[in-house]
């Protein structure tokens, strides 16, 4: 009888450890990772995709270079 109780307590301990581990892993997946990404935009002239921080923005349009900005505005 004592062995059965010991086995049941051991199984409960293993279950409790696995459950707490799953909770910790689940929470770490939800956190945004630093430097995980940035919005990408498309050049209005040539269509190339680039990060928003590297684009040139004029009148709501995004451009990959100053030359493409001038070309698009001259049309």
PDB file of N, CA and C in Angstrom:
ATOM      1  N   UNK A   1       0.816  -1.188   0.000  1.00  0.00           N
ATOM      2  CA  UNK A   1       0.000   0.000   0.000  1.00  0.00           C
ATOM      3  C   UNK A   1       0.863   1.257   0.000  1.00  0.00           C
ATOM      4  N   UNK A   2       1.935   1.234   0.786  1.00  0.00           N
ATOM      5  CA  UNK A   2       2.833   2.381   0.887  1.00  0.00           C
ATOM      6  C   UNK A   2       3.547   2.657  -0.427  1.00  0.00           C
ATOM      7  N   UNK A   3       3.854   1.565  -1.175  1.00  0.00           N
ATOM      8  CA  UNK A   3       4.537   1.728  -2.460  1.00  0.00           C
ATOM      9  C   UNK A   3       3.616   2.392  -3.484  1.00  0.00           C
ATOM     10  N   UNK A   4       2.349   2.062  -3.447  1.00  0.00           N
ATOM     11  CA  UNK A   4       1.381   2.650  -4.383  1.00  0.00           C
ATOM     12  C   UNK A   4       1.254   4.151  -4.137  1.00  0.00           C
ATOM     13  N   UNK A   5       1.173   4.541  -2.872  1.00  0.00           N
ATOM     14  CA  UNK A   5       1.068   5.962  -2.536  1.00  0.00           C
ATOM     15  C   UNK A   5       2.324   6.707  -2.989  1.00  0.00           C
ATOM     16  N   UNK A   6       3.488   6.100  -2.809  1.00  0.00           N
ATOM     17  CA  UNK A   6       4.752   6.704  -3.213  1.00  0.00           C
ATOM     18  C   UNK A   6       4.807   6.876  -4.735  1.00  0.00           C
ATOM     19  N   UNK A   7       4.337   5.894  -5.486  1.00  0.00           N
ATOM     20  CA  UNK A   7       4.308   5.985  -6.951  1.00  0.00           C
ATOM     21  C   UNK A   7       3.344   7.083  -7.402  1.00  0.00           C
ATOM     22  N   UNK A   8       2.177   7.151  -6.792  1.00  0.00           N
ATOM     23  CA  UNK A   8       1.187   8.180  -7.144  1.00  0.00           C
ATOM     24  C   UNK A   8       1.762   9.568  -6.855  1.00  0.00           C
ATOM     25  N   UNK A   9       2.395   9.749  -5.700  1.00  0.00           N
ATOM     26  CA  UNK A   9       3.001  11.039  -5.376  1.00  0.00           C
ATOM     27  C   UNK A   9       4.121  11.392  -6.367  1.00  0.00           C
ATOM     28  N   UNK A  10       4.890  10.404  -6.768  1.00  0.00           N
ATOM     29  CA  UNK A  10       5.945  10.634  -7.765  1.00  0.00           C
ATOM     30  C   UNK A  10       5.367  11.070  -9.100  1.00  0.00           C
ATOM     31  N   UNK A  11       4.289  10.437  -9.533  1.00  0.00           N
ATOM     32  CA  UNK A  11       3.645  10.819 -10.792  1.00  0.00           C
ATOM     33  C   UNK A  11       3.051  12.218 -10.716  1.00  0.00           C
ATOM     34  N   UNK A  12       2.458  12.556  -9.580  1.00  0.00           N
ATOM     35  CA  UNK A  12       1.925  13.904  -9.399  1.00  0.00           C
ATOM     36  C   UNK A  12       3.036  14.952  -9.449  1.00  0.00           C
ATOM     37  N   UNK A  13       4.180  14.645  -8.859  1.00  0.00           N
ATOM     38  CA  UNK A  13       5.318  15.552  -8.888  1.00  0.00           C
ATOM     39  C   UNK A  13       5.815  15.770 -10.319  1.00  0.00           C
ATOM     40  N   UNK A  14       5.924  14.703 -11.086  1.00  0.00           N
ATOM     41  CA  UNK A  14       6.350  14.815 -12.486  1.00  0.00           C
ATOM     42  C   UNK A  14       5.340  15.636 -13.296  1.00  0.00           C
ATOM     43  N   UNK A  15       4.059  15.383 -13.068  1.00  0.00           N
ATOM     44  CA  UNK A  15       3.014  16.146 -13.762  1.00  0.00           C
ATOM     45  C   UNK A  15       3.102  17.630 -13.422  1.00  0.00           C
ATOM     46  N   UNK A  16       3.293  17.951 -12.162  1.00  0.00           N
ATOM     47  CA  UNK A  16       3.378  19.343 -11.726  1.00  0.00           C
ATOM     48  C   UNK A  16       4.593  20.039 -12.344  1.00  0.00           C
ATOM     49  N   UNK A  17       5.724  19.365 -12.401  1.00  0.00           N
ATOM     50  CA  UNK A  17       6.941  19.943 -12.993  1.00  0.00           C
ATOM     51  C   UNK A  17       6.743  20.188 -14.486  1.00  0.00           C
ATOM     52  N   UNK A  18       6.184  19.227 -15.201  1.00  0.00           N
ATOM     53  CA  UNK A  18       5.956  19.396 -16.640  1.00  0.00           C
ATOM     54  C   UNK A  18       4.964  20.516 -16.927  1.00  0.00           C
ATOM     55  N   UNK A  19       3.932  20.627 -16.113  1.00  0.00           N
ATOM     56  CA  UNK A  19       2.933  21.676 -16.319  1.00  0.00           C
ATOM     57  C   UNK A  19       3.543  23.065 -16.111  1.00  0.00           C
ATOM     58  N   UNK A  20       4.347  23.234 -15.084  1.00  0.00           N
ATOM     59  CA  UNK A  20       4.968  24.535 -14.832  1.00  0.00           C
ATOM     60  C   UNK A  20       5.993  24.857 -15.923  1.00  0.00           C
ATOM     61  N   UNK A  21       6.690  23.864 -16.437  1.00  0.00           N
ATOM     62  CA  UNK A  21       7.645  24.077 -17.528  1.00  0.00           C
ATOM     63  C   UNK A  21       6.917  24.535 -18.794  1.00  0.00           C
ATOM     64  N   UNK A  22       5.793  23.905 -19.114  1.00  0.00           N
ATOM     65  CA  UNK A  22       5.018  24.302 -20.299  1.00  0.00           C
ATOM     66  C   UNK A  22       4.528  25.738 -20.188  1.00  0.00           C
ATOM     67  N   UNK A  23       4.119  26.142 -19.019  1.00  0.00           N
ATOM     68  CA  UNK A  23       3.656  27.520 -18.826  1.00  0.00           C
ATOM     69  C   UNK A  23       4.781  28.507 -19.084  1.00  0.00           C
ATOM     70  N   UNK A  24       5.976  28.223 -18.568  1.00  0.00           N
ATOM     71  CA  UNK A  24       7.110  29.116 -18.777  1.00  0.00           C
ATOM     72  C   UNK A  24       7.486  29.198 -20.241  1.00  0.00           C
ATOM     73  N   UNK A  25       7.494  28.091 -20.943  1.00  0.00           N
ATOM     74  CA  UNK A  25       7.838  28.074 -22.361  1.00  0.00           C
ATOM     75  C   UNK A  25       6.786  28.830 -23.156  1.00  0.00           C
ATOM     76  N   UNK A  26       5.526  28.675 -22.829  1.00  0.00           N
ATOM     77  CA  UNK A  26       4.445  29.371 -23.518  1.00  0.00           C
ATOM     78  C   UNK A  26       4.539  30.874 -23.358  1.00  0.00           C
ATOM     79  N   UNK A  27       4.921  31.340 -22.211  1.00  0.00           N
ATOM     80  CA  UNK A  27       5.045  32.781 -21.966  1.00  0.00           C
ATOM     81  C   UNK A  27       6.220  33.365 -22.721  1.00  0.00           C
ATOM     82  N   UNK A  28       7.333  32.670 -22.800  1.00  0.00           N
ATOM     83  CA  UNK A  28       8.514  33.214 -23.474  1.00  0.00           C
ATOM     84  C   UNK A  28       8.285  33.325 -24.979  1.00  0.00           C
ATOM     85  N   UNK A  29       7.413  32.497 -25.555  1.00  0.00           N
ATOM     86  CA  UNK A  29       7.128  32.584 -26.984  1.00  0.00           C
ATOM     87  C   UNK A  29       6.323  33.824 -27.327  1.00  0.00           C
ATOM     88  N   UNK A  30       5.549  34.344 -26.378  1.00  0.00           N
ATOM     89  CA  UNK A  30       4.685  35.485 -26.642  1.00  0.00           C
ATOM     90  C   UNK A  30       5.423  36.812 -26.569  1.00  0.00           C
ATOM     91  N   UNK A  31       6.566  36.847 -25.911  1.00  0.00           N
ATOM     92  CA  UNK A  31       7.308  38.098 -25.785  1.00  0.00           C
ATOM     93  C   UNK A  31       7.972  38.459 -27.118  1.00  0.00           C
ATOM     94  N   UNK A  32       7.863  39.729 -27.534  1.00  0.00           N
ATOM     95  CA  UNK A  32       8.560  40.122 -28.756  1.00  0.00           C
ATOM     96  C   UNK A  32      10.064  40.130 -28.522  1.00  0.00           C
ATOM     97  N   UNK A  33      10.788  39.590 -29.457  1.00  0.00           N
ATOM     98  CA  UNK A  33      12.226  39.538 -29.326  1.00  0.00           C
ATOM     99  C   UNK A  33      12.828  40.853 -29.810  1.00  0.00           C
ATOM    100  N   UNK A  34      13.864  41.341 -29.140  1.00  0.00           N
ATOM    101  CA  UNK A  34      14.467  42.596 -29.566  1.00  0.00           C
ATOM    102  C   UNK A  34      15.046  42.468 -30.966  1.00  0.00           C
ATOM    103  N   UNK A  35      14.796  43.458 -31.785  1.00  0.00           N
ATOM    104  CA  UNK A  35      15.282  43.429 -33.152  1.00  0.00           C
ATOM    105  C   UNK A  35      14.589  42.381 -33.996  1.00  0.00           C
ATOM    106  N   UNK A  36      13.367  42.021 -33.629  1.00  0.00           N
ATOM    107  CA  UNK A  36      12.679  40.938 -34.307  1.00  0.00           C
ATOM    108  C   UNK A  36      12.247  41.309 -35.720  1.00  0.00           C
ATOM    109  N   UNK A  37      12.103  42.579 -36.016  1.00  0.00           N
ATOM    110  CA  UNK A  37      11.685  42.934 -37.355  1.00  0.00           C
ATOM    111  C   UNK A  37      11.243  44.373 -37.454  1.00  0.00           C
ATOM    112  N   UNK A  38      10.961  44.763 -38.666  1.00  0.00           N
ATOM    113  CA  UNK A  38      10.559  46.130 -38.942  1.00  0.00           C
ATOM    114  C   UNK A  38       9.588  46.090 -40.107  1.00  0.00           C
ATOM    115  N   UNK A  39       8.734  47.080 -40.180  1.00  0.00           N
ATOM    116  CA  UNK A  39       7.796  47.160 -41.292  1.00  0.00           C
ATOM    117  C   UNK A  39       8.560  47.342 -42.604  1.00  0.00           C
ATOM    118  N   UNK A  40       8.113  46.605 -43.605  1.00  0.00           N
ATOM    119  CA  UNK A  40       8.701  46.722 -44.935  1.00  0.00           C
ATOM    120  C   UNK A  40       7.762  47.555 -45.798  1.00  0.00           C
ATOM    121  N   UNK A  41       8.350  48.386 -46.662  1.00  0.00           N
ATOM    122  CA  UNK A  41       7.573  49.212 -47.578  1.00  0.00           C
ATOM    123  C   UNK A  41       8.081  48.966 -48.992  1.00  0.00           C
ATOM    124  N   UNK A  42       7.275  49.363 -49.968  1.00  0.00           N
ATOM    125  CA  UNK A  42       7.621  49.135 -51.364  1.00  0.00           C
ATOM    126  C   UNK A  42       7.894  50.473 -52.037  1.00  0.00           C
ATOM    127  N   UNK A  43       8.972  50.546 -52.798  1.00  0.00           N
ATOM    128  CA  UNK A  43       9.321  51.759 -53.539  1.00  0.00           C
ATOM    129  C   UNK A  43       8.226  52.021 -54.572  1.00  0.00           C
ATOM    130  N   UNK A  44       7.717  53.246 -54.606  1.00  0.00           N
ATOM    131  CA  UNK A  44       6.643  53.605 -55.533  1.00  0.00           C
ATOM    132  C   UNK A  44       7.134  53.646 -56.981  1.00  0.00           C
ATOM    133  N   UNK A  45       8.438  53.749 -57.186  1.00  0.00           N
ATOM    134  CA  UNK A  45       8.990  53.826 -58.541  1.00  0.00           C
ATOM    135  C   UNK A  45       9.354  52.447 -59.102  1.00  0.00           C
ATOM    136  N   UNK A  46      10.175  51.701 -58.387  1.00  0.00           N
ATOM    137  CA  UNK A  46      10.684  50.429 -58.934  1.00  0.00           C
ATOM    138  C   UNK A  46      10.045  49.192 -58.304  1.00  0.00           C
ATOM    139  N   UNK A  47       9.388  49.331 -57.148  1.00  0.00           N
ATOM    140  CA  UNK A  47       8.703  48.204 -56.530  1.00  0.00           C
ATOM    141  C   UNK A  47       9.547  47.380 -55.577  1.00  0.00           C
ATOM    142  N   UNK A  48      10.808  47.757 -55.361  1.00  0.00           N
ATOM    143  CA  UNK A  48      11.656  46.992 -54.454  1.00  0.00           C
ATOM    144  C   UNK A  48      11.158  47.193 -53.016  1.00  0.00           C
ATOM    145  N   UNK A  49      11.279  46.141 -52.196  1.00  0.00           N
ATOM    146  CA  UNK A  49      10.872  46.213 -50.793  1.00  0.00           C
ATOM    147  C   UNK A  49      12.092  46.534 -49.938  1.00  0.00           C
ATOM    148  N   UNK A  50      11.905  47.439 -48.964  1.00  0.00           N
ATOM    149  CA  UNK A  50      12.988  47.815 -48.071  1.00  0.00           C
ATOM    150  C   UNK A  50      12.402  48.199 -46.713  1.00  0.00           C
ATOM    151  N   UNK A  51      13.241  48.180 -45.654  1.00  0.00           N
ATOM    152  CA  UNK A  51      12.741  48.562 -44.330  1.00  0.00           C
ATOM    153  C   UNK A  51      12.290  50.024 -44.328  1.00  0.00           C
ATOM    154  N   UNK A  52      11.255  50.303 -43.579  1.00  0.00           N
ATOM    155  CA  UNK A  52      10.696  51.660 -43.522  1.00  0.00           C
ATOM    156  C   UNK A  52      11.748  52.673 -43.094  1.00  0.00           C
ATOM    157  N   UNK A  53      12.632  52.300 -42.171  1.00  0.00           N
ATOM    158  CA  UNK A  53      13.641  53.233 -41.671  1.00  0.00           C
ATOM    159  C   UNK A  53      14.663  53.613 -42.738  1.00  0.00           C
ATOM    160  N   UNK A  54      14.827  52.793 -43.763  1.00  0.00           N
ATOM    161  CA  UNK A  54      15.789  53.081 -44.828  1.00  0.00           C
ATOM    162  C   UNK A  54      15.143  53.762 -46.027  1.00  0.00           C
ATOM    163  N   UNK A  55      13.839  53.942 -46.006  1.00  0.00           N
ATOM    164  CA  UNK A  55      13.142  54.526 -47.148  1.00  0.00           C
ATOM    165  C   UNK A  55      13.097  56.049 -47.044  1.00  0.00           C
ATOM    166  N   UNK A  56      12.837  56.677 -48.187  1.00  0.00           N
ATOM    167  CA  UNK A  56      12.611  58.113 -48.257  1.00  0.00           C
ATOM    168  C   UNK A  56      11.116  58.290 -48.451  1.00  0.00           C
ATOM    169  N   UNK A  57      10.487  59.067 -47.567  1.00  0.00           N
ATOM    170  CA  UNK A  57       9.036  59.230 -47.595  1.00  0.00           C
ATOM    171  C   UNK A  57       8.695  60.639 -48.057  1.00  0.00           C
ATOM    172  N   UNK A  58       7.845  60.722 -49.077  1.00  0.00           N
ATOM    173  CA  UNK A  58       7.366  62.010 -49.566  1.00  0.00           C
ATOM    174  C   UNK A  58       5.904  61.873 -49.943  1.00  0.00           C
ATOM    175  N   UNK A  59       5.074  62.717 -49.390  1.00  0.00           N
ATOM    176  CA  UNK A  59       3.651  62.772 -49.697  1.00  0.00           C
ATOM    177  C   UNK A  59       2.996  61.387 -49.636  1.00  0.00           C
ATOM    178  N   UNK A  60       3.330  60.634 -48.618  1.00  0.00           N
ATOM    179  CA  UNK A  60       2.726  59.324 -48.419  1.00  0.00           C
ATOM    180  C   UNK A  60       3.323  58.213 -49.265  1.00  0.00           C
ATOM    181  N   UNK A  61       4.291  58.521 -50.123  1.00  0.00           N
ATOM    182  CA  UNK A  61       4.942  57.493 -50.950  1.00  0.00           C
ATOM    183  C   UNK A  61       6.308  57.139 -50.387  1.00  0.00           C
ATOM    184  N   UNK A  62       6.719  55.914 -50.599  1.00  0.00           N
ATOM    185  CA  UNK A  62       8.014  55.446 -50.122  1.00  0.00           C
ATOM    186  C   UNK A  62       8.923  55.210 -51.318  1.00  0.00           C
ATOM    187  N   UNK A  63      10.188  55.569 -51.178  1.00  0.00           N
ATOM    188  CA  UNK A  63      11.155  55.434 -52.269  1.00  0.00           C
ATOM    189  C   UNK A  63      12.442  54.838 -51.736  1.00  0.00           C
ATOM    190  N   UNK A  64      13.128  54.075 -52.601  1.00  0.00           N
ATOM    191  CA  UNK A  64      14.373  53.431 -52.187  1.00  0.00           C
ATOM    192  C   UNK A  64      15.565  54.365 -52.336  1.00  0.00           C
ATOM    193  N   UNK A  65      15.443  55.430 -53.139  1.00  0.00           N
ATOM    194  CA  UNK A  65      16.542  56.378 -53.318  1.00  0.00           C
ATOM    195  C   UNK A  65      15.974  57.742 -53.679  1.00  0.00           C
ATOM    196  N   UNK A  66      16.831  58.757 -53.535  1.00  0.00           N
ATOM    197  CA  UNK A  66      16.414  60.117 -53.888  1.00  0.00           C
ATOM    198  C   UNK A  66      16.159  60.220 -55.389  1.00  0.00           C
ATOM    199  N   UNK A  67      16.908  59.479 -56.186  1.00  0.00           N
ATOM    200  CA  UNK A  67      16.711  59.494 -57.641  1.00  0.00           C
ATOM    201  C   UNK A  67      15.316  58.975 -58.012  1.00  0.00           C
ATOM    202  N   UNK A  68      14.894  57.900 -57.404  1.00  0.00           N
ATOM    203  CA  UNK A  68      13.565  57.353 -57.682  1.00  0.00           C
ATOM    204  C   UNK A  68      12.476  58.304 -57.193  1.00  0.00           C
ATOM    205  N   UNK A  69      12.744  58.995 -56.107  1.00  0.00           N
ATOM    206  CA  UNK A  69      11.794  59.990 -55.615  1.00  0.00           C
ATOM    207  C   UNK A  69      11.611  61.097 -56.657  1.00  0.00           C
ATOM    208  N   UNK A  70      12.721  61.598 -57.197  1.00  0.00           N
ATOM    209  CA  UNK A  70      12.643  62.655 -58.224  1.00  0.00           C
ATOM    210  C   UNK A  70      11.963  62.154 -59.490  1.00  0.00           C
ATOM    211  N   UNK A  71      12.301  60.951 -59.925  1.00  0.00           N
ATOM    212  CA  UNK A  71      11.703  60.394 -61.150  1.00  0.00           C
ATOM    213  C   UNK A  71      10.195  60.242 -61.009  1.00  0.00           C
ATOM    214  N   UNK A  72       9.758  59.750 -59.880  1.00  0.00           N
ATOM    215  CA  UNK A  72       8.333  59.496 -59.670  1.00  0.00           C
ATOM    216  C   UNK A  72       7.545  60.809 -59.580  1.00  0.00           C
ATOM    217  N   UNK A  73       8.136  61.821 -58.995  1.00  0.00           N
ATOM    218  CA  UNK A  73       7.443  63.095 -58.844  1.00  0.00           C
ATOM    219  C   UNK A  73       7.426  63.895 -60.147  1.00  0.00           C
ATOM    220  N   UNK A  74       8.345  63.597 -61.057  1.00  0.00           N
ATOM    221  CA  UNK A  74       8.370  64.339 -62.331  1.00  0.00           C
ATOM    222  C   UNK A  74       7.316  63.823 -63.302  1.00  0.00           C
ATOM    223  N   UNK A  75       6.732  62.651 -63.031  1.00  0.00           N
ATOM    224  CA  UNK A  75       5.693  62.093 -63.921  1.00  0.00           C
ATOM    225  C   UNK A  75       4.397  62.801 -63.795  1.00  0.00           C
TER     226      UNK A  75
END
